[in-house]
C-alpha atoms as a PDB file:
ATOM      1  CA  MET A   1     -27.882  -8.720-103.279  1.00  0.00           C
ATOM      2  CA  ALA A   2     -27.293  -5.606-105.296  1.00  0.00           C
ATOM      3  CA  CYS A   3     -27.119  -3.359-102.233  1.00  0.00           C
ATOM      4  CA  MET A   4     -24.581  -5.211-100.000  1.00  0.00           C
ATOM      5  CA  ASN A   5     -22.754  -3.388 -97.227  1.00  0.00           C
ATOM      6  CA  GLU A   6     -19.003  -3.473 -98.067  1.00  0.00           C
ATOM      7  CA  ASP A   7     -17.738  -1.536 -95.005  1.00  0.00           C
ATOM      8  CA  GLY A   8     -16.470  -4.740 -93.383  1.00  0.00           C
ATOM      9  CA  GLN A   9     -14.133  -5.422 -96.299  1.00  0.00           C
ATOM     10  CA  TRP A  10     -12.397  -2.057 -95.786  1.00  0.00           C
ATOM     11  CA  ILE A  11     -11.937  -2.781 -92.088  1.00  0.00           C
ATOM     12  CA  VAL A  12     -10.358  -6.173 -92.845  1.00  0.00           C
ATOM     13  CA  LEU A  13      -8.148  -4.653 -95.575  1.00  0.00           C
ATOM     14  CA  MET A  14      -6.929  -1.859 -93.267  1.00  0.00           C
ATOM     15  CA  GLY A  15      -6.238  -4.418 -90.516  1.00  0.00           C
ATOM     16  CA  LEU A  16      -4.172  -6.474 -92.965  1.00  0.00           C
ATOM     17  CA  LEU A  17      -2.171  -3.408 -94.036  1.00  0.00           C
ATOM     18  CA  VAL A  18      -1.492  -2.453 -90.399  1.00  0.00           C
ATOM     19  CA  ALA A  19      -0.382  -6.029 -89.627  1.00  0.00           C
ATOM     20  CA  VAL A  20       2.009  -6.101 -92.614  1.00  0.00           C
ATOM     21  CA  GLY A  21       3.383  -2.684 -91.626  1.00  0.00           C
ATOM     22  CA  LEU A  22       4.016  -3.803 -88.046  1.00  0.00           C
ATOM     23  CA  PHE A  23       5.710  -6.989 -89.289  1.00  0.00           C
ATOM     24  CA  PHE A  24       7.996  -4.969 -91.578  1.00  0.00           C
ATOM     25  CA  LEU A  25       8.810  -2.499 -88.782  1.00  0.00           C
ATOM     26  CA  ALA A  26       9.641  -5.352 -86.371  1.00  0.00           C
ATOM     27  CA  LEU A  27      11.906  -6.917 -88.991  1.00  0.00           C
ATOM     28  CA  VAL A  28      13.810  -3.644 -89.552  1.00  0.00           C
ATOM     29  CA  ILE A  29      14.235  -3.041 -85.810  1.00  0.00           C
ATOM     30  CA  ASN A  30      15.466  -6.602 -85.296  1.00  0.00           C
ATOM     31  CA  GLN A  31      18.101  -6.223 -88.048  1.00  0.00           C
ATOM     32  CA  SER A  32      19.320  -2.895 -86.689  1.00  0.00           C
ATOM     33  CA  VAL A  33      19.838  -4.437 -83.255  1.00  0.00           C
ATOM     34  CA  ILE A  34      21.891  -7.278 -84.757  1.00  0.00           C
ATOM     35  CA  VAL A  35      24.029  -4.896 -86.826  1.00  0.00           C
ATOM     36  CA  GLY A  36      24.633  -2.670 -83.808  1.00  0.00           C
ATOM     37  CA  GLN A  37      25.682  -5.643 -81.712  1.00  0.00           C
ATOM     38  CA  THR A  38      28.217  -6.944 -84.239  1.00  0.00           C
ATOM     39  CA  THR A  39      29.645  -3.444 -84.693  1.00  0.00           C
ATOM     40  CA  ALA A  40      30.095  -3.071 -80.942  1.00  0.00           C
ATOM     41  CA  GLU A  41      31.735  -6.491 -80.743  1.00  0.00           C
ATOM     42  CA  GLY A  42      34.184  -5.475 -83.468  1.00  0.00           C
ATOM     43  CA  VAL A  43      35.145  -2.364 -81.543  1.00  0.00           C
ATOM     44  CA  ILE A  44      35.585  -4.324 -78.328  1.00  0.00           C
ATOM     45  CA  GLU A  45      37.753  -6.967 -80.023  1.00  0.00           C
ATOM     46  CA  PHE A  46      40.198  -4.417 -81.422  1.00  0.00           C
ATOM     47  CA  PRO A  47      43.018  -4.218 -78.849  1.00  0.00           C
ATOM     48  CA  LYS A  48      43.748  -0.500 -79.182  1.00  0.00           C
ATOM     49  CA  ASN A  49      45.056  -0.102 -75.637  1.00  0.00           C
ATOM     50  CA  ASP A  50      47.230  -3.202 -75.904  1.00  0.00           C
ATOM     51  CA  ILE A  51      48.826  -1.845 -79.073  1.00  0.00           C
ATOM     52  CA  ARG A  52      49.346   1.593 -77.502  1.00  0.00           C
ATOM     53  CA  ASN A  53      51.011   0.043 -74.458  1.00  0.00           C
ATOM     54  CA  LEU A  54      53.198  -2.110 -76.698  1.00  0.00           C
ATOM     55  CA  ARG A  55      54.263   0.931 -78.756  1.00  0.00           C
ATOM     56  CA  GLU A  56      55.121   2.904 -75.618  1.00  0.00           C
ATOM     57  CA  THR A  57      57.156   0.025 -74.213  1.00  0.00           C
ATOM     58  CA  VAL A  58      58.995  -0.614 -77.487  1.00  0.00           C
ATOM     59  CA  PHE A  59      59.839   3.064 -77.932  1.00  0.00           C
ATOM     60  CA  SER A  60      61.203   3.275 -74.386  1.00  0.00           C
ATOM     61  CA  TYR A  61      63.170   0.058 -75.034  1.00  0.00           C
ATOM     62  CA  ALA A  62      64.667   1.570 -78.197  1.00  0.00           C
ATOM     63  CA  GLY A  63      66.399   4.173 -76.071  1.00  0.00           C
ATOM     64  CA  SER A  64      67.804   1.716 -73.519  1.00  0.00           C
ATOM     65  CA  GLY A  65      69.414  -0.868 -75.820  1.00  0.00           C
ATOM     66  CA  ASP A  66      69.086  -3.785 -73.341  1.00  0.00           C
ATOM     67  CA  ALA A  67      68.748  -7.058 -75.312  1.00  0.00           C
ATOM     68  CA  ARG A  68      66.976  -8.971 -72.510  1.00  0.00           C
ATOM     69  CA  VAL A  69      64.111  -6.466 -72.460  1.00  0.00           C
ATOM     70  CA  LYS A  70      63.035  -7.514 -75.970  1.00  0.00           C
ATOM     71  CA  GLU A  71      62.729 -11.139 -74.899  1.00  0.00           C
ATOM     72  CA  ASP A  72      60.744 -10.091 -71.818  1.00  0.00           C
ATOM     73  CA  ILE A  73      58.314  -7.965 -73.867  1.00  0.00           C
ATOM     74  CA  ILE A  74      57.679 -10.849 -76.282  1.00  0.00           C
ATOM     75  CA  ALA A  75      57.188 -13.380 -73.455  1.00  0.00           C
ATOM     76  CA  ILE A  76      54.899 -11.118 -71.391  1.00  0.00           C
ATOM     77  CA  SER A  77      52.719 -10.284 -74.409  1.00  0.00           C
ATOM     78  CA  LEU A  78      52.269 -13.951 -75.199  1.00  0.00           C
ATOM     79  CA  GLU A  79      51.585 -14.907 -71.581  1.00  0.00           C
ATOM     80  CA  ARG A  80      49.258 -12.072 -70.512  1.00  0.00           C
ATOM     81  CA  LYS A  81      47.550 -11.008 -73.742  1.00  0.00           C
ATOM     82  CA  ASN A  82      47.844 -14.186 -75.863  1.00  0.00           C
ATOM     83  CA  ALA A  83      49.416 -12.059 -78.565  1.00  0.00           C
ATOM     84  CA  VAL A  84      52.386 -12.851 -80.755  1.00  0.00           C
ATOM     85  CA  VAL A  85      54.591  -9.767 -80.716  1.00  0.00           C
ATOM     86  CA  ASP A  86      57.791  -9.107 -82.600  1.00  0.00           C
ATOM     87  CA  PHE A  87      59.684  -5.912 -83.207  1.00  0.00           C
ATOM     88  CA  TRP A  88      63.042  -4.830 -84.465  1.00  0.00           C
ATOM     89  CA  ILE A  89      64.988  -1.624 -84.530  1.00  0.00           C
ATOM     90  CA  ASP A  90      66.950  -0.810 -87.652  1.00  0.00           C
ATOM     91  CA  PRO A  91      70.088   1.346 -87.741  1.00  0.00           C
ATOM     92  CA  GLU A  92      69.712   5.107 -87.924  1.00  0.00           C
ATOM     93  CA  ILE A  93      68.912   6.648 -91.278  1.00  0.00           C
ATOM     94  CA  GLU A  94      68.925  10.260 -92.362  1.00  0.00           C
ATOM     95  CA  ILE A  95      65.713  11.830 -93.652  1.00  0.00           C
ATOM     96  CA  SER A  96      65.739  15.507 -94.638  1.00  0.00           C
ATOM     97  CA  GLY A  97      68.795  16.213 -92.556  1.00  0.00           C
ATOM     98  CA  HIS A  98      67.492  14.498 -89.396  1.00  0.00           C
ATOM     99  CA  SER A  99      68.550  11.124 -87.995  1.00  0.00           C
ATOM    100  CA  TYR A 100      65.776   8.609 -87.283  1.00  0.00           C
ATOM    101  CA  ARG A 101      65.688   4.990 -86.163  1.00  0.00           C
ATOM    102  CA  PRO A 102      63.037   2.871 -87.930  1.00  0.00           C
ATOM    103  CA  VAL A 103      61.134   0.665 -85.488  1.00  0.00           C
ATOM    104  CA  THR A 104      58.966  -2.087 -86.979  1.00  0.00           C
ATOM    105  CA  ILE A 105      56.281  -3.599 -84.740  1.00  0.00           C
ATOM    106  CA  HIS A 106      54.254  -6.730 -85.480  1.00  0.00           C
ATOM    107  CA  TYR A 107      51.233  -7.646 -83.291  1.00  0.00           C
ATOM    108  CA  ASN A 108      48.872 -10.594 -83.823  1.00  0.00           C
ATOM    109  CA  ASN A 109      46.362 -11.905 -81.269  1.00  0.00           C
ATOM    110  CA  GLY A 110      44.477 -14.230 -83.620  1.00  0.00           C
ATOM    111  CA  VAL A 111      41.804 -11.639 -84.415  1.00  0.00           C
ATOM    112  CA  THR A 112      43.811  -8.489 -85.093  1.00  0.00           C
ATOM    113  CA  ASP A 113      46.940  -8.394 -87.235  1.00  0.00           C
ATOM    114  CA  TYR A 114      48.798  -5.087 -86.835  1.00  0.00           C
ATOM    115  CA  HIS A 115      52.001  -3.918 -88.506  1.00  0.00           C
ATOM    116  CA  GLU A 116      53.673  -0.552 -88.094  1.00  0.00           C
ATOM    117  CA  THR A 117      56.942   1.097 -88.981  1.00  0.00           C
ATOM    118  CA  ALA A 118      57.607   4.205 -86.935  1.00  0.00           C
ATOM    119  CA  TYR A 119      60.586   6.525 -86.986  1.00  0.00           C
ATOM    120  CA  ILE A 120      61.871   7.680 -83.622  1.00  0.00           C
END
């Protein structure tokens, strides 16, 4: 009994360490896939192009002054994009010797709430 062969214990111990290492590695890879997926979903849900198109339309409307166009923009945004849109154009103000018209835009599609005040 004094001269037992203990080589088998080292093989079992190394196998256990490899198994724990593989389990930990699989857990880390699984978490990184989940985090990457939710990040991509967040980017997809942000309506950057919708907001850009709305800004372009509102700024072109600000030059025309037609009151019916505002109602059309609000109705089309709600119908096509399911977004509540509101905007208003304030009277001209003078900033550093230049005249600007403040345009405030509000956009909400249930996920993204966007507010902006631009000077045109």
